[in-house]
Amino acid sequence: MEKGKIMDLEVENPMITGEGLPEEPQEEEILFSCDLCHQEIYEGDSYIYYAGDIFCSSHHLGEHLLNHGLAETRIAKRKVFH
């Protein structure tokens, strides 16, 4: 090794060369899908469960509630007292 040189290594990126990676990566198993948008939900993902339905986000639960008349959107207004 030359003076002043710390190491003389050739490093190969396994993502490029494929060296050291499993031959066939295992596919993750889909456990559920969102009842609104059908997005796949995998093990370790968080999801919302409401009345037997599964949602990938609280936003989609809110849409479901609005679409089925179980909630309503309101406009905030100042009440005037006389």
N, C-alpha and C. Protein backbone atom coordinates (compact mmCIF):
# COMPACT_ATOMS: atom_id res chain seq x y z
N MET A 1 0.85 -1.17 0.00
CA MET A 1 0.00 0.00 0.00
C MET A 1 0.90 1.23 0.00
N GLU A 2 0.48 2.23 -0.74
CA GLU A 2 1.26 3.46 -0.83
C GLU A 2 1.16 4.25 0.46
N LYS A 3 2.23 5.02 0.74
CA LYS A 3 2.26 5.87 1.92
C LYS A 3 1.14 6.91 1.82
N GLY A 4 0.40 7.11 2.92
CA GLY A 4 -0.68 8.08 2.94
C GLY A 4 -2.02 7.48 2.50
N LYS A 5 -2.03 6.28 1.95
CA LYS A 5 -3.26 5.63 1.53
C LYS A 5 -3.74 4.75 2.68
N ILE A 6 -4.96 4.92 3.11
CA ILE A 6 -5.45 4.17 4.26
C ILE A 6 -5.83 2.75 3.87
N MET A 7 -6.63 2.59 2.86
CA MET A 7 -7.06 1.26 2.45
C MET A 7 -7.16 1.22 0.94
N ASP A 8 -6.97 0.06 0.41
CA ASP A 8 -7.11 -0.13 -1.02
C ASP A 8 -8.20 -1.17 -1.24
N LEU A 9 -9.46 -0.72 -1.21
CA LEU A 9 -10.59 -1.63 -1.34
C LEU A 9 -11.41 -1.30 -2.57
N GLU A 10 -11.90 -2.33 -3.20
CA GLU A 10 -12.89 -2.14 -4.25
C GLU A 10 -14.22 -2.56 -3.67
N VAL A 11 -15.15 -1.65 -3.60
CA VAL A 11 -16.45 -1.95 -3.02
C VAL A 11 -17.47 -2.01 -4.14
N GLU A 12 -18.18 -3.12 -4.18
CA GLU A 12 -19.22 -3.30 -5.19
C GLU A 12 -20.58 -3.13 -4.52
N ASN A 13 -21.46 -2.40 -5.16
CA ASN A 13 -22.81 -2.22 -4.66
C ASN A 13 -23.63 -3.45 -5.04
N PRO A 14 -24.13 -4.22 -4.03
CA PRO A 14 -24.90 -5.42 -4.35
C PRO A 14 -26.20 -5.12 -5.10
N MET A 15 -26.72 -3.89 -4.97
CA MET A 15 -27.94 -3.54 -5.71
C MET A 15 -27.65 -3.45 -7.20
N ILE A 16 -26.40 -3.21 -7.56
CA ILE A 16 -26.02 -3.12 -8.97
C ILE A 16 -25.51 -4.47 -9.48
N THR A 17 -24.62 -5.09 -8.70
CA THR A 17 -24.00 -6.35 -9.15
C THR A 17 -24.85 -7.56 -8.86
N GLY A 18 -25.72 -7.49 -7.86
CA GLY A 18 -26.52 -8.66 -7.48
C GLY A 18 -25.77 -9.61 -6.57
N GLU A 19 -24.50 -9.34 -6.31
CA GLU A 19 -23.69 -10.19 -5.44
C GLU A 19 -24.21 -10.11 -4.00
N GLY A 20 -24.41 -11.26 -3.38
CA GLY A 20 -24.81 -11.29 -1.98
C GLY A 20 -26.29 -11.12 -1.73
N LEU A 21 -27.08 -10.92 -2.76
CA LEU A 21 -28.53 -10.79 -2.58
C LEU A 21 -29.18 -12.15 -2.79
N PRO A 22 -30.33 -12.39 -2.14
CA PRO A 22 -31.04 -13.65 -2.38
C PRO A 22 -31.41 -13.75 -3.86
N GLU A 23 -31.47 -14.97 -4.35
CA GLU A 23 -31.77 -15.15 -5.77
C GLU A 23 -33.16 -14.65 -6.12
N GLU A 24 -34.14 -14.96 -5.29
CA GLU A 24 -35.50 -14.48 -5.53
C GLU A 24 -36.00 -13.81 -4.26
N PRO A 25 -36.11 -12.49 -4.26
CA PRO A 25 -36.62 -11.83 -3.05
C PRO A 25 -38.05 -12.29 -2.77
N GLN A 26 -38.36 -12.46 -1.49
CA GLN A 26 -39.71 -12.88 -1.13
C GLN A 26 -40.67 -11.72 -1.31
N GLU A 27 -41.83 -12.02 -1.85
CA GLU A 27 -42.85 -11.00 -2.01
C GLU A 27 -43.60 -10.84 -0.70
N GLU A 28 -43.92 -9.60 -0.35
CA GLU A 28 -44.69 -9.36 0.85
C GLU A 28 -46.13 -9.79 0.60
N GLU A 29 -46.74 -10.33 1.64
CA GLU A 29 -48.11 -10.80 1.53
C GLU A 29 -49.08 -9.65 1.78
N ILE A 30 -50.04 -9.49 0.90
CA ILE A 30 -51.09 -8.48 1.08
C ILE A 30 -52.08 -9.05 2.08
N LEU A 31 -52.30 -8.32 3.18
CA LEU A 31 -53.22 -8.79 4.21
C LEU A 31 -54.62 -8.26 4.02
N PHE A 32 -54.74 -7.01 3.62
CA PHE A 32 -56.04 -6.36 3.43
C PHE A 32 -55.93 -5.38 2.27
N SER A 33 -57.06 -4.79 1.91
CA SER A 33 -57.05 -3.64 1.01
C SER A 33 -58.09 -2.65 1.50
N CYS A 34 -57.82 -1.38 1.23
CA CYS A 34 -58.70 -0.30 1.67
C CYS A 34 -60.06 -0.46 0.99
N ASP A 35 -61.13 -0.38 1.76
CA ASP A 35 -62.47 -0.51 1.18
C ASP A 35 -62.88 0.70 0.34
N LEU A 36 -62.13 1.80 0.43
CA LEU A 36 -62.46 2.97 -0.38
C LEU A 36 -61.62 3.02 -1.65
N CYS A 37 -60.29 2.93 -1.52
CA CYS A 37 -59.41 3.11 -2.69
C CYS A 37 -58.75 1.81 -3.15
N HIS A 38 -58.92 0.74 -2.40
CA HIS A 38 -58.36 -0.57 -2.72
C HIS A 38 -56.84 -0.63 -2.64
N GLN A 39 -56.20 0.33 -1.95
CA GLN A 39 -54.75 0.28 -1.73
C GLN A 39 -54.43 -0.94 -0.90
N GLU A 40 -53.34 -1.62 -1.26
CA GLU A 40 -52.93 -2.83 -0.56
C GLU A 40 -52.36 -2.48 0.81
N ILE A 41 -52.69 -3.30 1.81
CA ILE A 41 -52.19 -3.12 3.17
C ILE A 41 -51.38 -4.36 3.52
N TYR A 42 -50.11 -4.14 3.87
CA TYR A 42 -49.17 -5.22 4.14
C TYR A 42 -48.93 -5.35 5.65
N GLU A 43 -48.33 -6.47 6.05
CA GLU A 43 -47.97 -6.67 7.44
C GLU A 43 -47.10 -5.50 7.91
N GLY A 44 -47.42 -4.94 9.07
CA GLY A 44 -46.68 -3.81 9.61
C GLY A 44 -47.28 -2.47 9.26
N ASP A 45 -48.17 -2.42 8.26
CA ASP A 45 -48.84 -1.17 7.90
C ASP A 45 -49.93 -0.87 8.93
N SER A 46 -50.18 0.41 9.18
CA SER A 46 -51.30 0.78 10.04
C SER A 46 -52.53 0.95 9.15
N TYR A 47 -53.69 0.71 9.74
CA TYR A 47 -54.95 0.89 9.02
C TYR A 47 -56.04 1.21 10.03
N ILE A 48 -57.17 1.69 9.52
CA ILE A 48 -58.32 2.04 10.36
C ILE A 48 -59.39 0.97 10.15
N TYR A 49 -59.93 0.45 11.25
CA TYR A 49 -61.02 -0.52 11.19
C TYR A 49 -62.26 0.15 11.78
N TYR A 50 -63.33 0.19 11.00
CA TYR A 50 -64.56 0.84 11.47
C TYR A 50 -65.76 0.06 10.94
N ALA A 51 -66.60 -0.43 11.85
CA ALA A 51 -67.85 -1.10 11.51
C ALA A 51 -67.66 -2.18 10.44
N GLY A 52 -66.59 -2.95 10.57
CA GLY A 52 -66.36 -4.05 9.63
C GLY A 52 -65.62 -3.67 8.36
N ASP A 53 -65.34 -2.39 8.18
CA ASP A 53 -64.63 -1.92 6.99
C ASP A 53 -63.19 -1.55 7.34
N ILE A 54 -62.31 -1.64 6.36
CA ILE A 54 -60.89 -1.34 6.54
C ILE A 54 -60.52 -0.16 5.65
N PHE A 55 -59.79 0.80 6.22
CA PHE A 55 -59.37 1.99 5.49
C PHE A 55 -57.88 2.21 5.68
N CYS A 56 -57.20 2.65 4.62
CA CYS A 56 -55.75 2.86 4.68
C CYS A 56 -55.40 4.16 5.40
N SER A 57 -56.38 5.04 5.64
CA SER A 57 -56.11 6.30 6.32
C SER A 57 -57.38 6.83 6.96
N SER A 58 -57.20 7.72 7.93
CA SER A 58 -58.36 8.34 8.56
C SER A 58 -59.10 9.24 7.56
N HIS A 59 -58.36 9.79 6.60
CA HIS A 59 -58.98 10.59 5.55
C HIS A 59 -60.00 9.75 4.77
N HIS A 60 -59.64 8.53 4.44
CA HIS A 60 -60.56 7.67 3.69
C HIS A 60 -61.74 7.23 4.54
N LEU A 61 -61.53 7.05 5.84
CA LEU A 61 -62.66 6.77 6.73
C LEU A 61 -63.62 7.95 6.71
N GLY A 62 -63.08 9.17 6.79
CA GLY A 62 -63.93 10.37 6.75
C GLY A 62 -64.73 10.45 5.46
N GLU A 63 -64.10 10.16 4.33
CA GLU A 63 -64.82 10.15 3.05
C GLU A 63 -65.94 9.13 3.06
N HIS A 64 -65.66 7.95 3.60
CA HIS A 64 -66.67 6.89 3.68
C HIS A 64 -67.87 7.36 4.52
N LEU A 65 -67.59 7.96 5.66
CA LEU A 65 -68.66 8.43 6.53
C LEU A 65 -69.50 9.49 5.85
N LEU A 66 -68.85 10.41 5.14
CA LEU A 66 -69.59 11.45 4.41
C LEU A 66 -70.41 10.84 3.27
N ASN A 67 -69.82 9.92 2.52
CA ASN A 67 -70.50 9.30 1.37
C ASN A 67 -71.73 8.50 1.78
N HIS A 68 -71.74 7.97 3.01
CA HIS A 68 -72.86 7.15 3.47
C HIS A 68 -73.79 7.88 4.44
N GLY A 69 -73.66 9.21 4.51
CA GLY A 69 -74.54 10.00 5.35
C GLY A 69 -74.33 9.78 6.84
N LEU A 70 -73.19 9.25 7.24
CA LEU A 70 -72.91 8.99 8.65
C LEU A 70 -72.22 10.18 9.31
N ALA A 71 -71.86 11.17 8.52
CA ALA A 71 -71.26 12.40 9.01
C ALA A 71 -71.61 13.48 8.01
N GLU A 72 -71.42 14.72 8.38
CA GLU A 72 -71.71 15.81 7.45
C GLU A 72 -70.67 16.91 7.60
N THR A 73 -70.44 17.61 6.52
CA THR A 73 -69.53 18.75 6.52
C THR A 73 -70.35 19.99 6.88
N ARG A 74 -69.81 20.79 7.78
CA ARG A 74 -70.49 22.02 8.17
C ARG A 74 -69.54 23.19 8.02
N ILE A 75 -70.11 24.37 7.88
CA ILE A 75 -69.34 25.60 7.80
C ILE A 75 -69.44 26.31 9.15
N ALA A 76 -68.31 26.64 9.72
CA ALA A 76 -68.29 27.31 11.02
C ALA A 76 -68.81 28.75 10.86
N LYS A 77 -69.75 29.11 11.70
CA LYS A 77 -70.30 30.47 11.70
C LYS A 77 -70.41 30.94 13.14
N ARG A 78 -70.17 32.21 13.31
CA ARG A 78 -70.29 32.82 14.62
C ARG A 78 -71.77 32.96 14.96
N LYS A 79 -72.15 32.51 16.15
CA LYS A 79 -73.54 32.66 16.57
C LYS A 79 -73.74 34.05 17.13
N VAL A 80 -74.83 34.68 16.74
CA VAL A 80 -75.16 36.01 17.24
C VAL A 80 -76.27 35.86 18.25
N PHE A 81 -76.01 36.34 19.45
CA PHE A 81 -77.00 36.24 20.52
C PHE A 81 -77.68 37.60 20.68
N HIS A 82 -79.01 37.60 20.81
CA HIS A 82 -79.76 38.85 20.99
C HIS A 82 -80.26 38.96 22.39
